[in-house]
Amino acid sequence: MSQHIDPVCGKRMNPNKAHIVITYDGQDYYLCCPLCQKTFEENPSKFIKNEPKKRS
């Protein structure tokens, strides 16, 4: 089973139990609660890791 990390609080989570999934700049972000959602939406670039995308 795939695990995802809430970019705001760092909580590991099952994607099926996420409060909300937000797609930003082509990437899905799994958020655990309304507070993390609000924080992410106010400044998403603060929580985006600038990692190069892997080429297939």
C-alpha atoms as a PDB file:
ATOM      1  CA  MET A   1       0.000   0.000   0.000  1.00  0.00           C
ATOM      2  CA  SER A   2       1.300   3.409  -0.949  1.00  0.00           C
ATOM      3  CA  GLN A   3       1.936   5.913   1.830  1.00  0.00           C
ATOM      4  CA  HIS A   4       1.911   9.655   1.339  1.00  0.00           C
ATOM      5  CA  ILE A   5       3.173  12.479   3.524  1.00  0.00           C
ATOM      6  CA  ASP A   6       1.088  15.551   4.336  1.00  0.00           C
ATOM      7  CA  PRO A   7       3.410  18.355   3.137  1.00  0.00           C
ATOM      8  CA  VAL A   8       2.272  20.719   5.901  1.00  0.00           C
ATOM      9  CA  CYS A   9       2.550  18.626   9.068  1.00  0.00           C
ATOM     10  CA  GLY A  10       4.617  15.680   7.826  1.00  0.00           C
ATOM     11  CA  LYS A  11       2.070  13.053   8.886  1.00  0.00           C
ATOM     12  CA  ARG A  12       2.270   9.733   7.032  1.00  0.00           C
ATOM     13  CA  MET A  13      -1.101   8.796   5.706  1.00  0.00           C
ATOM     14  CA  ASN A  14      -3.070   6.296   3.712  1.00  0.00           C
ATOM     15  CA  PRO A  15      -4.203   8.142   0.548  1.00  0.00           C
ATOM     16  CA  ASN A  16      -7.696   6.680   0.932  1.00  0.00           C
ATOM     17  CA  LYS A  17      -8.053   8.397   4.313  1.00  0.00           C
ATOM     18  CA  ALA A  18      -6.850  11.857   3.294  1.00  0.00           C
ATOM     19  CA  HIS A  19      -9.086  14.781   4.223  1.00  0.00           C
ATOM     20  CA  ILE A  20      -8.513  16.180   0.729  1.00  0.00           C
ATOM     21  CA  VAL A  21      -6.223  15.720  -2.248  1.00  0.00           C
ATOM     22  CA  ILE A  22      -5.105  18.939  -3.904  1.00  0.00           C
ATOM     23  CA  THR A  23      -3.466  18.916  -7.324  1.00  0.00           C
ATOM     24  CA  TYR A  24      -0.983  21.758  -7.626  1.00  0.00           C
ATOM     25  CA  ASP A  25       1.344  22.224 -10.588  1.00  0.00           C
ATOM     26  CA  GLY A  26       0.515  18.716 -11.812  1.00  0.00           C
ATOM     27  CA  GLN A  27       1.329  16.997  -8.498  1.00  0.00           C
ATOM     28  CA  ASP A  28      -1.150  15.540  -5.996  1.00  0.00           C
ATOM     29  CA  TYR A  29      -0.793  16.549  -2.344  1.00  0.00           C
ATOM     30  CA  TYR A  30      -2.594  14.572   0.369  1.00  0.00           C
ATOM     31  CA  LEU A  31      -3.685  16.638   3.355  1.00  0.00           C
ATOM     32  CA  CYS A  32      -4.867  15.190   6.658  1.00  0.00           C
ATOM     33  CA  CYS A  33      -7.207  17.880   8.008  1.00  0.00           C
ATOM     34  CA  PRO A  34      -8.905  21.233   7.304  1.00  0.00           C
ATOM     35  CA  LEU A  35      -6.118  23.166   9.067  1.00  0.00           C
ATOM     36  CA  CYS A  36      -3.419  21.633   6.849  1.00  0.00           C
ATOM     37  CA  GLN A  37      -5.629  22.282   3.824  1.00  0.00           C
ATOM     38  CA  LYS A  38      -6.025  25.963   4.730  1.00  0.00           C
ATOM     39  CA  THR A  39      -2.310  26.356   5.438  1.00  0.00           C
ATOM     40  CA  PHE A  40      -1.351  24.694   2.145  1.00  0.00           C
ATOM     41  CA  GLU A  41      -3.844  26.740   0.130  1.00  0.00           C
ATOM     42  CA  GLU A  42      -2.547  30.021   1.599  1.00  0.00           C
ATOM     43  CA  ASN A  43       1.007  29.398   0.333  1.00  0.00           C
ATOM     44  CA  PRO A  44       1.429  26.129  -1.578  1.00  0.00           C
ATOM     45  CA  SER A  45       4.904  27.002  -2.890  1.00  0.00           C
ATOM     46  CA  LYS A  46       6.194  26.947   0.703  1.00  0.00           C
ATOM     47  CA  PHE A  47       5.418  23.218   0.904  1.00  0.00           C
ATOM     48  CA  ILE A  48       6.550  22.129  -2.554  1.00  0.00           C
ATOM     49  CA  LYS A  49       9.848  20.301  -2.744  1.00  0.00           C
ATOM     50  CA  ASN A  50      11.833  21.484  -5.739  1.00  0.00           C
ATOM     51  CA  GLU A  51      12.937  18.021  -6.768  1.00  0.00           C
ATOM     52  CA  PRO A  52      13.566  17.345 -10.435  1.00  0.00           C
ATOM     53  CA  LYS A  53      10.885  15.151 -11.964  1.00  0.00           C
ATOM     54  CA  LYS A  54      12.049  11.695 -12.981  1.00  0.00           C
ATOM     55  CA  ARG A  55      12.084  10.953 -16.666  1.00  0.00           C
ATOM     56  CA  SER A  56      10.601   7.735 -17.911  1.00  0.00           C
END
